[in-house]
Amino acid sequence: MEVFIALFAVIVVGLIIGEIKWGILRKPYDPSKWSHKVISAIVILPCLVLSLLFYVFISSPIYNSVAYPLTEGVNHYNPYIQQFDAFQKGQLYIDYAVDEDLLTLENPYDPIQREGIYFLWDRALYDGHYYSYFGIAPIIFVYYPYYILTGELPSDALVGLIFLLLTTVFVPLIIFEWAKKRAKKTPFSLLCVASIATTLGTNVFLAARGVQPYYYIAILAGMAFLAIFLFLFIKGLFTVTKTRLIYLFGAGVAYGLLFLSRINMAILAGFIILPSLIFFVIKRIKEKSQYKFIVGDLIVLVIPVVATLVFTCWFNAARFSSPWDFGTNYQLTVSDVSQNTLRITDLGPAIYHYIIQNLEISNQYSYIGFTYNTLVNYGHFVYLDASMSIFATPLLLGLLLTPAIIFNGKHPLSRRIIFLLIIIGIIFVAWLNFSMGGLIFRYTLDLCLVGALAATIGLLLIFERILEGKHRWVSYCFGCLLAIFFLASSITSVQIALITNGNLMVIEDSVMAFLKAVLPFVNLST
């Protein structure tokens, strides 16, 4: 504890001296300066290094490639490999025979009726075949390219690392790209600290530690494609040259891959996309741009998205007899998922568990832990496992200040509406996840990337407003508090990523000893 107090004291003194002497808290980001370009690139390095450390020491320990054709029964592999194998064999269903006893059950989706019968865990059972309901974007983006290059299939750890690295690169790029459009208003020093805090605040490193990696591949892929999409989307909307068409098309492709990775993340992104496009069109009309250019830009963006939706409808209909059926109701898992439905009565519990609920104090390193429940009765039984809310990550508490933007008439209407819709979108997806699936911390991660970006950008916008005021001491104090807040959030995000209770890998003793030496978190249990 003393170490952190001393560190914060040094930072506070340094910030005050630096602001008084050089104005570091007010000096804006200038993307035309080489020094700012170099520093902004260096800022990405800590998160990349952390990604590699997680890959080597903490994530899944299986790094070897998977031989193909498969050397064991297909039931021994994850759903992505099973689906890849099915594609290679010219079929959509997993090449594994369903036990006849399972097919004779009145309701094979009832876990009580399935007792004593072998089945493929958490796969979809439909019309006598097993299917993978997991999105196929990782197969398209990683498995097939790797297979073409090596003749083998990548390990779960390698797939996770690829998406982890993409996320840790593109999240800071989003922050800097947004600041680039701010006409030199955003303070550079805070921008650098904020970009690291935002990357860690997405909790992407927590997702990189899953004990059953295929569940977290979906999350990691969703985060990566969402980050790529947002970066290209911002770039495309604000670029005036013809290269904007490349950015917009790339954004459309990234959104399609996001949709094929994690649909609920894609739904949340929609709360940003639709108002942004509406205001984009309005702005272009006010600038008297030719309609053919406006329509052309929208078509370039939409083509890959529409292609993805058409493919998805065909894919669903070919497997589950309906273009709108994603197969989730046929899961063989801890409960009969087909009984889940959207209930307005779940809205309150969803807000509590996904947004408000805190982590528990633990006597194990890193001294915090997930809240752990089983089935909870909210008028119906809801599946709850090792869980956390978005506010367990301090950075996302910044969302509490977004009303200062939403209800402040000095901010542009477009900004106020987008922030309002982000909050609504977070609540909606939390409710959707809770009603249709229950709660486990990986479901919460659906909300974290958008939430972290919104919190960071909101805080920086509020600070910009304070800088415009007459009282410099107010900006000193708020700037120091904001820098400390970003740092504290970064530390807590690492602490969350190292949680050892719940459905996570156990950290080896030697690695644990090293972590305790270099990251001496406070033992809150005492």
Protein backbone atom coordinates (compact mmCIF):
# COMPACT_ATOMS: atom_id res chain seq x y z
CA MET A 1 0.00 0.00 0.00
CA GLU A 2 2.82 2.39 0.89
CA VAL A 3 4.35 1.83 -2.55
CA PHE A 4 1.19 2.99 -4.31
CA ILE A 5 0.73 6.01 -2.03
CA ALA A 6 4.32 7.08 -2.71
CA LEU A 7 3.85 6.52 -6.44
CA PHE A 8 0.68 8.61 -6.53
CA ALA A 9 2.38 11.38 -4.52
CA VAL A 10 5.29 11.52 -6.97
CA ILE A 11 2.89 11.61 -9.92
CA VAL A 12 0.81 14.40 -8.38
CA VAL A 13 3.87 16.54 -7.64
CA GLY A 14 5.29 15.83 -11.09
CA LEU A 15 2.04 16.79 -12.80
CA ILE A 16 1.72 20.02 -10.86
CA ILE A 17 5.32 21.03 -11.56
CA GLY A 18 5.04 19.98 -15.19
CA GLU A 19 1.80 21.91 -15.68
CA ILE A 20 3.08 25.08 -14.03
CA LYS A 21 6.41 25.05 -15.89
CA TRP A 22 5.53 23.52 -19.28
CA GLY A 23 1.72 23.29 -19.35
CA ILE A 24 1.83 19.54 -20.00
CA LEU A 25 -1.81 19.02 -19.01
CA ARG A 26 -3.01 21.58 -21.54
CA LYS A 27 -0.58 21.12 -24.43
CA PRO A 28 -2.74 19.63 -27.21
CA TYR A 29 -2.08 16.61 -29.37
CA ASP A 30 -0.65 17.65 -32.72
CA PRO A 31 -0.59 14.70 -35.16
CA SER A 32 1.58 16.68 -37.58
CA LYS A 33 4.52 16.68 -35.12
CA TRP A 34 6.97 13.80 -35.47
CA SER A 35 7.60 13.79 -31.74
CA HIS A 36 3.91 13.22 -31.08
CA LYS A 37 3.77 10.50 -33.73
CA VAL A 38 6.73 8.69 -32.21
CA ILE A 39 5.43 8.97 -28.64
CA SER A 40 1.95 7.82 -29.64
CA ALA A 41 3.50 4.76 -31.30
CA ILE A 42 5.60 4.04 -28.21
CA VAL A 43 2.47 4.22 -26.04
CA ILE A 44 1.16 1.09 -27.76
CA LEU A 45 4.25 -0.93 -26.79
CA PRO A 46 3.42 -1.58 -23.10
CA CYS A 47 0.15 -3.27 -24.03
CA LEU A 48 1.83 -5.30 -26.79
CA VAL A 49 4.50 -6.46 -24.33
CA LEU A 50 1.80 -7.34 -21.82
CA SER A 51 0.01 -9.34 -24.55
CA LEU A 52 3.12 -11.40 -25.20
CA LEU A 53 3.69 -11.96 -21.47
CA PHE A 54 0.13 -13.21 -21.10
CA TYR A 55 0.65 -15.52 -24.06
CA VAL A 56 3.85 -17.01 -22.68
CA PHE A 57 3.12 -17.23 -18.96
CA ILE A 58 -0.56 -16.94 -18.15
CA SER A 59 -2.85 -17.95 -21.03
CA SER A 60 -3.55 -21.49 -22.21
CA PRO A 61 -0.29 -23.52 -22.00
CA ILE A 62 -0.95 -25.47 -25.21
CA TYR A 63 1.02 -23.80 -28.01
CA ASN A 64 1.53 -26.68 -30.44
CA SER A 65 -0.21 -26.63 -33.78
CA VAL A 66 -2.96 -29.17 -34.40
CA ALA A 67 -2.27 -31.76 -37.09
CA TYR A 68 -4.82 -32.01 -39.86
CA PRO A 69 -6.32 -34.45 -40.81
CA LEU A 70 -7.15 -34.84 -37.12
CA THR A 71 -5.27 -37.57 -35.25
CA GLU A 72 -7.98 -38.07 -32.61
CA GLY A 73 -11.74 -38.26 -32.67
CA VAL A 74 -13.35 -34.98 -33.63
CA ASN A 75 -15.07 -34.88 -30.23
CA HIS A 76 -11.69 -34.07 -28.62
CA TYR A 77 -11.39 -30.68 -30.38
CA ASN A 78 -12.91 -27.24 -29.97
CA PRO A 79 -15.96 -26.16 -32.02
CA TYR A 80 -13.88 -24.10 -34.42
CA ILE A 81 -11.76 -27.09 -35.39
CA GLN A 82 -14.88 -29.25 -35.55
CA GLN A 83 -16.51 -26.74 -37.90
CA PHE A 84 -13.34 -26.45 -39.97
CA ASP A 85 -13.29 -30.24 -40.28
CA ALA A 86 -16.95 -30.21 -41.35
CA PHE A 87 -16.25 -27.62 -44.05
CA GLN A 88 -13.33 -29.67 -45.32
CA LYS A 89 -15.66 -32.65 -45.61
CA GLY A 90 -18.23 -30.65 -47.52
CA GLN A 91 -20.85 -30.57 -44.77
CA LEU A 92 -22.21 -28.12 -42.20
CA TYR A 93 -22.75 -30.46 -39.26
CA ILE A 94 -19.99 -31.81 -37.03
CA ASP A 95 -18.75 -35.20 -38.17
CA TYR A 96 -19.64 -37.04 -34.97
CA ALA A 97 -22.54 -39.45 -34.53
CA VAL A 98 -25.19 -38.56 -31.93
CA ASP A 99 -25.88 -41.22 -29.29
CA GLU A 100 -29.17 -42.96 -30.11
CA ASP A 101 -30.23 -42.72 -26.45
CA LEU A 102 -30.00 -38.94 -26.71
CA LEU A 103 -32.23 -38.88 -29.79
CA THR A 104 -34.94 -40.93 -28.07
CA LEU A 105 -35.34 -38.47 -25.18
CA GLU A 106 -38.53 -36.43 -25.01
CA ASN A 107 -36.44 -33.30 -24.43
CA PRO A 108 -32.70 -33.82 -25.00
CA TYR A 109 -32.08 -30.18 -24.07
CA ASP A 110 -33.11 -30.86 -20.47
CA PRO A 111 -29.85 -31.59 -18.57
CA ILE A 112 -31.69 -33.87 -16.12
CA GLN A 113 -32.96 -36.12 -18.91
CA ARG A 114 -29.46 -36.28 -20.44
CA GLU A 115 -27.81 -37.66 -17.30
CA GLY A 116 -25.66 -40.71 -18.03
CA ILE A 117 -25.62 -40.14 -21.80
CA TYR A 118 -22.46 -38.98 -23.60
CA PHE A 119 -22.88 -35.89 -25.77
CA LEU A 120 -20.82 -33.04 -27.19
CA TRP A 121 -20.88 -30.33 -24.55
CA ASP A 122 -22.37 -26.98 -25.54
CA ARG A 123 -22.96 -27.84 -29.16
CA ALA A 124 -26.29 -27.45 -30.91
CA LEU A 125 -28.30 -30.65 -31.46
CA TYR A 126 -30.71 -30.36 -34.37
CA ASP A 127 -32.33 -32.91 -36.66
CA GLY A 128 -30.06 -35.73 -35.49
CA HIS A 129 -26.76 -33.88 -35.95
CA TYR A 130 -24.38 -31.80 -33.86
CA TYR A 131 -23.65 -28.26 -34.99
CA SER A 132 -21.37 -25.51 -33.73
CA TYR A 133 -23.34 -22.34 -33.02
CA PHE A 134 -20.12 -20.34 -32.54
CA GLY A 135 -19.46 -17.64 -35.12
CA ILE A 136 -17.18 -18.68 -37.97
CA ALA A 137 -15.13 -15.46 -38.33
CA PRO A 138 -12.08 -16.97 -36.51
CA ILE A 139 -12.16 -19.88 -38.97
CA ILE A 140 -12.18 -17.49 -41.92
CA PHE A 141 -9.64 -15.05 -40.49
CA VAL A 142 -7.16 -17.37 -38.73
CA TYR A 143 -7.75 -21.10 -39.20
CA TYR A 144 -7.89 -21.19 -42.99
CA PRO A 145 -4.93 -18.82 -43.59
CA TYR A 146 -2.85 -20.77 -41.05
CA TYR A 147 -3.83 -24.06 -42.67
CA ILE A 148 -2.98 -22.79 -46.15
CA LEU A 149 0.44 -21.64 -44.96
CA THR A 150 1.39 -24.60 -42.73
CA GLY A 151 -0.92 -27.53 -43.49
CA GLU A 152 -1.86 -27.57 -39.79
CA LEU A 153 -4.33 -25.77 -37.54
CA PRO A 154 -3.38 -23.13 -34.95
CA SER A 155 -3.49 -23.77 -31.22
CA ASP A 156 -6.14 -22.06 -29.12
CA ALA A 157 -3.43 -19.94 -27.51
CA LEU A 158 -2.12 -18.70 -30.85
CA VAL A 159 -5.60 -17.81 -32.09
CA GLY A 160 -6.23 -15.90 -28.87
CA LEU A 161 -2.89 -14.11 -29.13
CA ILE A 162 -3.61 -12.89 -32.67
CA PHE A 163 -6.88 -11.29 -31.61
CA LEU A 164 -5.35 -9.98 -28.38
CA LEU A 165 -2.58 -8.23 -30.31
CA LEU A 166 -5.06 -6.72 -32.78
CA THR A 167 -7.14 -5.33 -29.94
CA THR A 168 -4.16 -3.85 -28.09
CA VAL A 169 -3.04 -2.10 -31.29
CA PHE A 170 -6.36 -0.75 -32.52
CA VAL A 171 -7.89 0.48 -29.25
CA PRO A 172 -5.13 3.13 -28.76
CA LEU A 173 -5.35 3.94 -32.47
CA ILE A 174 -9.06 4.70 -32.00
CA ILE A 175 -8.26 7.14 -29.20
CA PHE A 176 -5.56 8.92 -31.21
CA GLU A 177 -7.66 8.93 -34.40
CA TRP A 178 -10.55 10.52 -32.49
CA ALA A 179 -8.18 13.13 -31.03
CA LYS A 180 -6.83 13.87 -34.51
CA LYS A 181 -10.27 15.20 -35.47
CA ARG A 182 -10.45 17.48 -32.44
CA ALA A 183 -8.56 20.40 -34.03
CA LYS A 184 -5.73 20.27 -31.48
CA LYS A 185 -7.99 20.42 -28.42
CA THR A 186 -7.12 17.18 -26.62
CA PRO A 187 -4.18 17.32 -24.14
CA PHE A 188 -1.43 15.02 -25.41
CA SER A 189 -0.09 13.83 -22.05
CA LEU A 190 -3.52 12.73 -20.86
CA LEU A 191 -4.22 11.18 -24.24
CA CYS A 192 -1.18 8.90 -23.89
CA VAL A 193 -2.12 7.78 -20.38
CA ALA A 194 -5.77 7.41 -21.39
CA SER A 195 -4.96 5.17 -24.37
CA ILE A 196 -3.21 2.65 -22.10
CA ALA A 197 -5.98 2.84 -19.49
CA THR A 198 -8.60 2.29 -22.19
CA THR A 199 -6.83 -0.74 -23.64
CA LEU A 200 -6.56 -2.33 -20.22
CA GLY A 201 -10.07 -1.17 -19.31
CA THR A 202 -11.56 -3.28 -22.10
CA ASN A 203 -10.55 -6.28 -19.92
CA VAL A 204 -9.22 -7.97 -23.04
CA PHE A 205 -6.44 -9.51 -20.93
CA LEU A 206 -9.04 -11.13 -18.71
CA ALA A 207 -10.56 -12.71 -21.83
CA ALA A 208 -7.11 -14.00 -22.79
CA ARG A 209 -7.01 -16.24 -19.71
CA GLY A 210 -10.02 -18.49 -20.24
CA VAL A 211 -9.65 -22.12 -19.13
CA GLN A 212 -11.89 -23.22 -22.01
CA PRO A 213 -10.31 -21.07 -24.68
CA TYR A 214 -12.91 -21.55 -27.39
CA TYR A 215 -15.42 -19.53 -25.34
CA TYR A 216 -12.93 -16.67 -25.10
CA ILE A 217 -11.82 -16.88 -28.72
CA ALA A 218 -15.30 -15.61 -29.55
CA ILE A 219 -14.87 -12.69 -27.13
CA LEU A 220 -11.32 -11.89 -28.26
CA ALA A 221 -12.31 -12.03 -31.93
CA GLY A 222 -15.29 -9.79 -31.26
CA MET A 223 -13.13 -7.23 -29.46
CA ALA A 224 -10.51 -7.26 -32.21
CA PHE A 225 -12.97 -6.80 -35.06
CA LEU A 226 -14.95 -4.19 -33.11
CA ALA A 227 -11.76 -2.20 -32.49
CA ILE A 228 -10.73 -2.48 -36.16
CA PHE A 229 -14.21 -1.47 -37.26
CA LEU A 230 -14.38 1.61 -35.03
CA PHE A 231 -10.93 2.78 -36.12
CA LEU A 232 -11.72 2.42 -39.85
CA PHE A 233 -15.22 3.82 -39.38
CA ILE A 234 -13.91 7.01 -37.74
CA LYS A 235 -11.14 7.25 -40.33
CA GLY A 236 -13.60 6.81 -43.19
CA LEU A 237 -16.16 9.31 -41.94
CA PHE A 238 -13.60 12.12 -41.53
CA THR A 239 -11.36 11.52 -44.55
CA VAL A 240 -12.12 13.75 -47.53
CA THR A 241 -9.90 12.08 -50.13
CA LYS A 242 -10.89 8.99 -52.11
CA THR A 243 -8.99 6.79 -49.67
CA ARG A 244 -12.09 7.13 -47.46
CA LEU A 245 -13.70 4.49 -49.69
CA ILE A 246 -10.99 2.01 -48.68
CA TYR A 247 -11.53 2.82 -45.00
CA LEU A 248 -15.31 2.54 -45.28
CA PHE A 249 -15.13 -0.75 -47.15
CA GLY A 250 -12.65 -2.08 -44.59
CA ALA A 251 -15.00 -0.95 -41.83
CA GLY A 252 -17.83 -2.86 -43.48
CA VAL A 253 -15.70 -6.00 -43.71
CA ALA A 254 -14.63 -5.64 -40.06
CA TYR A 255 -18.26 -5.25 -38.98
CA GLY A 256 -19.19 -8.35 -40.95
CA LEU A 257 -16.45 -10.32 -39.18
CA LEU A 258 -17.62 -8.85 -35.86
CA PHE A 259 -21.13 -10.08 -36.60
CA LEU A 260 -19.72 -13.53 -37.41
CA SER A 261 -17.75 -13.52 -34.15
CA ARG A 262 -19.98 -12.12 -31.41
CA ILE A 263 -23.45 -10.93 -32.41
CA ASN A 264 -24.19 -9.12 -29.16
CA MET A 265 -21.10 -6.93 -29.60
CA ALA A 266 -22.30 -6.16 -33.12
CA ILE A 267 -25.70 -5.14 -31.73
CA LEU A 268 -24.04 -2.75 -29.28
CA ALA A 269 -21.94 -1.29 -32.08
CA GLY A 270 -25.17 -0.61 -33.95
CA PHE A 271 -26.11 1.98 -31.32
CA ILE A 272 -23.05 3.95 -32.49
CA ILE A 273 -23.26 3.23 -36.20
CA LEU A 274 -26.81 4.31 -37.01
CA PRO A 275 -26.74 7.80 -35.42
CA SER A 276 -23.20 8.39 -36.72
CA LEU A 277 -24.32 7.65 -40.28
CA ILE A 278 -27.41 9.83 -39.94
CA PHE A 279 -25.36 12.80 -38.75
CA PHE A 280 -22.75 12.03 -41.43
CA VAL A 281 -25.41 12.34 -44.13
CA ILE A 282 -26.85 15.52 -42.58
CA LYS A 283 -23.37 17.07 -42.42
CA ARG A 284 -22.65 16.19 -46.05
CA ILE A 285 -25.99 17.68 -47.16
CA LYS A 286 -25.26 20.91 -45.26
CA GLU A 287 -21.87 21.05 -46.99
CA LYS A 288 -23.79 20.67 -50.29
CA SER A 289 -21.96 17.50 -51.24
CA GLN A 290 -23.34 15.75 -54.29
CA TYR A 291 -25.83 13.03 -53.44
CA LYS A 292 -23.99 10.50 -55.58
CA PHE A 293 -20.93 10.83 -53.32
CA ILE A 294 -23.03 10.44 -50.16
CA VAL A 295 -24.85 7.41 -51.54
CA GLY A 296 -21.60 6.01 -52.93
CA ASP A 297 -19.90 6.18 -49.53
CA LEU A 298 -22.84 4.46 -47.85
CA ILE A 299 -22.95 1.73 -50.49
CA VAL A 300 -19.24 1.00 -50.10
CA LEU A 301 -19.72 0.65 -46.33
CA VAL A 302 -22.90 -1.40 -46.57
CA ILE A 303 -21.94 -3.89 -49.32
CA PRO A 304 -19.81 -6.19 -47.09
CA VAL A 305 -22.34 -5.88 -44.26
CA VAL A 306 -25.23 -6.91 -46.51
CA ALA A 307 -23.12 -9.74 -47.95
CA THR A 308 -22.49 -10.97 -44.40
CA LEU A 309 -26.17 -10.83 -43.51
CA VAL A 310 -27.19 -12.67 -46.68
CA PHE A 311 -24.59 -15.36 -46.03
CA THR A 312 -25.70 -15.66 -42.41
CA CYS A 313 -29.34 -16.11 -43.44
CA TRP A 314 -28.34 -18.82 -45.92
CA PHE A 315 -26.04 -20.49 -43.39
CA ASN A 316 -28.75 -20.51 -40.71
CA ALA A 317 -31.41 -21.81 -43.06
CA ALA A 318 -29.11 -24.57 -44.32
CA ARG A 319 -28.46 -25.77 -40.76
CA PHE A 320 -31.56 -24.92 -38.73
CA SER A 321 -34.27 -24.50 -41.39
CA SER A 322 -34.75 -20.77 -40.73
CA PRO A 323 -32.64 -17.77 -41.75
CA TRP A 324 -33.27 -16.21 -38.31
CA ASP A 325 -32.31 -19.27 -36.26
CA PHE A 326 -28.72 -19.16 -34.97
CA GLY A 327 -28.99 -22.50 -33.20
CA THR A 328 -28.61 -21.16 -29.66
CA ASN A 329 -31.92 -22.71 -28.57
CA TYR A 330 -30.51 -26.15 -29.32
CA GLN A 331 -27.53 -25.91 -26.96
CA LEU A 332 -26.66 -28.90 -24.82
CA THR A 333 -25.51 -27.02 -21.76
CA VAL A 334 -26.28 -26.48 -18.04
CA SER A 335 -29.92 -25.57 -18.66
CA ASP A 336 -32.61 -25.77 -21.32
CA VAL A 337 -31.76 -22.56 -23.16
CA SER A 338 -34.90 -22.80 -25.28
CA GLN A 339 -36.85 -21.73 -22.17
CA ASN A 340 -35.03 -18.40 -22.04
CA THR A 341 -36.92 -15.39 -23.31
CA LEU A 342 -36.74 -11.62 -23.02
CA ARG A 343 -38.54 -10.51 -19.87
CA ILE A 344 -38.97 -6.88 -18.87
CA THR A 345 -38.77 -8.03 -15.24
CA ASP A 346 -35.12 -9.02 -15.89
CA LEU A 347 -34.13 -5.43 -16.64
CA GLY A 348 -33.49 -4.48 -13.00
CA PRO A 349 -31.39 -7.58 -12.15
CA ALA A 350 -29.52 -7.16 -15.45
CA ILE A 351 -28.55 -3.57 -14.59
CA TYR A 352 -27.46 -4.64 -11.12
CA HIS A 353 -25.38 -7.66 -12.15
CA TYR A 354 -23.90 -6.28 -15.39
CA ILE A 355 -23.36 -2.66 -14.42
CA ILE A 356 -23.35 -2.12 -10.65
CA GLN A 357 -22.33 -5.32 -8.82
CA ASN A 358 -18.85 -5.14 -7.32
CA LEU A 359 -16.10 -7.73 -7.15
CA GLU A 360 -15.49 -9.66 -3.95
CA ILE A 361 -12.49 -9.30 -1.66
CA SER A 362 -10.25 -12.36 -1.74
CA ASN A 363 -7.36 -13.66 0.36
CA GLN A 364 -5.73 -15.01 -2.79
CA TYR A 365 -3.56 -12.99 -5.13
CA SER A 366 -4.59 -10.61 -6.73
CA TYR A 367 -6.82 -10.13 -3.66
CA ILE A 368 -10.05 -9.57 -5.56
CA GLY A 369 -12.34 -12.21 -7.02
CA PHE A 370 -15.50 -12.74 -9.00
CA THR A 371 -18.88 -12.86 -7.40
CA TYR A 372 -19.83 -16.51 -7.58
CA ASN A 373 -23.46 -17.64 -7.71
CA THR A 374 -25.29 -20.62 -9.17
CA LEU A 375 -28.96 -20.54 -10.13
CA VAL A 376 -30.81 -17.49 -8.78
CA ASN A 377 -34.59 -17.16 -8.76
CA TYR A 378 -35.83 -13.89 -10.28
CA GLY A 379 -39.34 -15.20 -10.87
CA HIS A 380 -37.57 -17.83 -12.97
CA PHE A 381 -34.20 -19.48 -12.53
CA VAL A 382 -31.28 -17.59 -14.08
CA TYR A 383 -27.84 -19.07 -14.64
CA LEU A 384 -25.19 -17.04 -12.81
CA ASP A 385 -21.54 -18.07 -12.64
CA ALA A 386 -18.26 -16.32 -11.81
CA SER A 387 -19.25 -12.75 -12.60
CA MET A 388 -18.35 -9.08 -12.49
CA SER A 389 -19.98 -5.84 -13.60
CA ILE A 390 -18.53 -3.19 -15.87
CA PHE A 391 -18.17 -0.82 -12.90
CA ALA A 392 -15.75 -3.29 -11.31
CA THR A 393 -13.27 -1.67 -13.71
CA PRO A 394 -12.70 1.90 -12.40
CA LEU A 395 -12.33 3.41 -15.87
CA LEU A 396 -15.90 2.53 -16.75
CA LEU A 397 -17.10 4.52 -13.75
CA GLY A 398 -16.36 7.44 -16.06
CA LEU A 399 -19.67 6.60 -17.74
CA LEU A 400 -21.36 8.11 -14.69
CA LEU A 401 -20.17 11.54 -15.88
CA THR A 402 -21.62 11.20 -19.38
CA PRO A 403 -24.81 13.07 -18.32
CA ALA A 404 -22.52 16.15 -18.16
CA ILE A 405 -22.28 15.73 -21.94
CA ILE A 406 -25.73 14.37 -22.74
CA PHE A 407 -27.59 17.20 -20.97
CA ASN A 408 -25.14 20.01 -21.74
CA GLY A 409 -26.39 22.14 -24.61
CA LYS A 410 -22.87 23.43 -25.29
CA HIS A 411 -21.98 20.07 -26.81
CA PRO A 412 -23.11 19.34 -30.39
CA LEU A 413 -26.45 17.53 -30.66
CA SER A 414 -24.82 14.65 -32.53
CA ARG A 415 -22.37 14.02 -29.67
CA ARG A 416 -25.09 14.18 -27.03
CA ILE A 417 -27.32 11.72 -28.89
CA ILE A 418 -24.48 9.27 -29.56
CA PHE A 419 -23.47 9.23 -25.89
CA LEU A 420 -27.09 8.75 -24.85
CA LEU A 421 -27.49 5.85 -27.28
CA ILE A 422 -24.27 4.25 -26.05
CA ILE A 423 -25.68 4.20 -22.51
CA ILE A 424 -28.99 2.81 -23.79
CA GLY A 425 -27.13 0.23 -25.87
CA ILE A 426 -25.07 -0.96 -22.90
CA ILE A 427 -28.22 -1.40 -20.82
CA PHE A 428 -30.03 -3.14 -23.69
CA VAL A 429 -27.26 -5.65 -24.39
CA ALA A 430 -26.88 -6.30 -20.64
CA TRP A 431 -30.60 -7.08 -20.49
CA LEU A 432 -30.38 -9.22 -23.63
CA ASN A 433 -27.44 -11.21 -22.25
CA PHE A 434 -29.07 -11.65 -18.84
CA SER A 435 -32.44 -12.78 -20.21
CA MET A 436 -31.11 -15.10 -22.89
CA GLY A 437 -28.00 -16.48 -21.25
CA GLY A 438 -27.69 -15.42 -17.61
CA LEU A 439 -24.39 -14.09 -16.34
CA ILE A 440 -20.74 -15.03 -16.40
CA PHE A 441 -17.88 -12.56 -16.64
CA ARG A 442 -17.26 -13.25 -20.31
CA TYR A 443 -20.78 -11.99 -21.09
CA THR A 444 -19.92 -8.73 -19.29
CA LEU A 445 -16.94 -8.35 -21.63
CA ASP A 446 -19.42 -7.74 -24.47
CA LEU A 447 -19.92 -4.28 -22.98
CA CYS A 448 -16.40 -3.35 -21.91
CA LEU A 449 -14.73 -2.15 -25.11
CA VAL A 450 -17.48 0.28 -26.07
CA GLY A 451 -17.89 1.28 -22.42
CA ALA A 452 -14.16 1.94 -21.96
CA LEU A 453 -13.94 4.05 -25.12
CA ALA A 454 -17.05 6.05 -24.20
CA ALA A 455 -15.80 6.63 -20.65
CA THR A 456 -12.36 7.79 -21.80
CA ILE A 457 -13.61 10.07 -24.55
CA GLY A 458 -16.28 11.49 -22.25
CA LEU A 459 -13.73 12.32 -19.54
CA LEU A 460 -11.39 13.96 -22.06
CA LEU A 461 -14.26 16.03 -23.48
CA ILE A 462 -15.21 17.21 -20.00
CA PHE A 463 -11.58 18.17 -19.32
CA GLU A 464 -11.48 20.14 -22.57
CA ARG A 465 -14.48 22.14 -21.33
CA ILE A 466 -12.76 22.82 -18.01
CA LEU A 467 -9.65 24.05 -19.84
CA GLU A 468 -11.82 26.63 -21.58
CA GLY A 469 -12.77 28.10 -18.20
CA LYS A 470 -11.15 31.07 -16.46
CA HIS A 471 -9.91 29.26 -13.35
CA ARG A 472 -6.58 27.59 -14.09
CA TRP A 473 -6.39 25.96 -10.66
CA VAL A 474 -9.56 24.00 -11.49
CA SER A 475 -7.90 22.57 -14.59
CA TYR A 476 -4.76 21.76 -12.55
CA CYS A 477 -6.76 19.81 -10.01
CA PHE A 478 -9.01 18.05 -12.50
CA GLY A 479 -6.08 17.21 -14.79
CA CYS A 480 -4.10 15.68 -11.92
CA LEU A 481 -7.12 13.73 -10.72
CA LEU A 482 -7.81 12.49 -14.25
CA ALA A 483 -4.21 11.32 -14.75
CA ILE A 484 -4.26 9.50 -11.40
CA PHE A 485 -7.67 8.02 -12.24
CA PHE A 486 -6.33 6.62 -15.53
CA LEU A 487 -3.30 5.18 -13.77
CA ALA A 488 -5.35 3.66 -10.94
CA SER A 489 -7.74 2.14 -13.44
CA SER A 490 -4.82 0.61 -15.36
CA ILE A 491 -3.48 -0.99 -12.18
CA THR A 492 -6.90 -2.34 -11.22
CA SER A 493 -7.44 -3.71 -14.75
CA VAL A 494 -4.21 -5.70 -14.45
CA GLN A 495 -5.35 -6.85 -11.02
CA ILE A 496 -8.67 -8.03 -12.52
CA ALA A 497 -6.83 -9.84 -15.31
CA LEU A 498 -4.91 -11.79 -12.65
CA ILE A 499 -7.95 -12.97 -10.70
CA THR A 500 -7.44 -16.63 -9.81
CA ASN A 501 -10.91 -17.71 -8.68
CA GLY A 502 -13.67 -18.68 -11.06
CA ASN A 503 -13.33 -20.19 -14.51
CA LEU A 504 -9.69 -19.18 -15.13
CA MET A 505 -6.36 -20.88 -15.53
CA VAL A 506 -4.33 -21.36 -12.35
CA ILE A 507 -1.11 -19.35 -12.50
CA GLU A 508 2.06 -21.40 -11.96
CA ASP A 509 3.77 -20.90 -8.59
CA SER A 510 6.96 -19.50 -10.11
CA VAL A 511 5.03 -16.99 -12.18
CA MET A 512 2.85 -16.14 -9.20
CA ALA A 513 5.94 -15.40 -7.07
CA PHE A 514 7.30 -13.10 -9.77
CA LEU A 515 3.96 -11.28 -10.12
CA LYS A 516 3.70 -10.75 -6.38
CA ALA A 517 7.19 -9.24 -6.41
CA VAL A 518 6.60 -6.78 -9.26
CA LEU A 519 2.87 -6.13 -8.74
CA PRO A 520 2.37 -5.88 -4.97
CA PHE A 521 -1.39 -5.40 -4.90
CA VAL A 522 -2.96 -4.59 -1.54
CA ASN A 523 -4.32 -7.61 0.35
CA LEU A 524 -7.85 -6.31 0.92
CA SER A 525 -8.85 -9.36 2.94
CA THR A 526 -6.78 -8.11 5.85
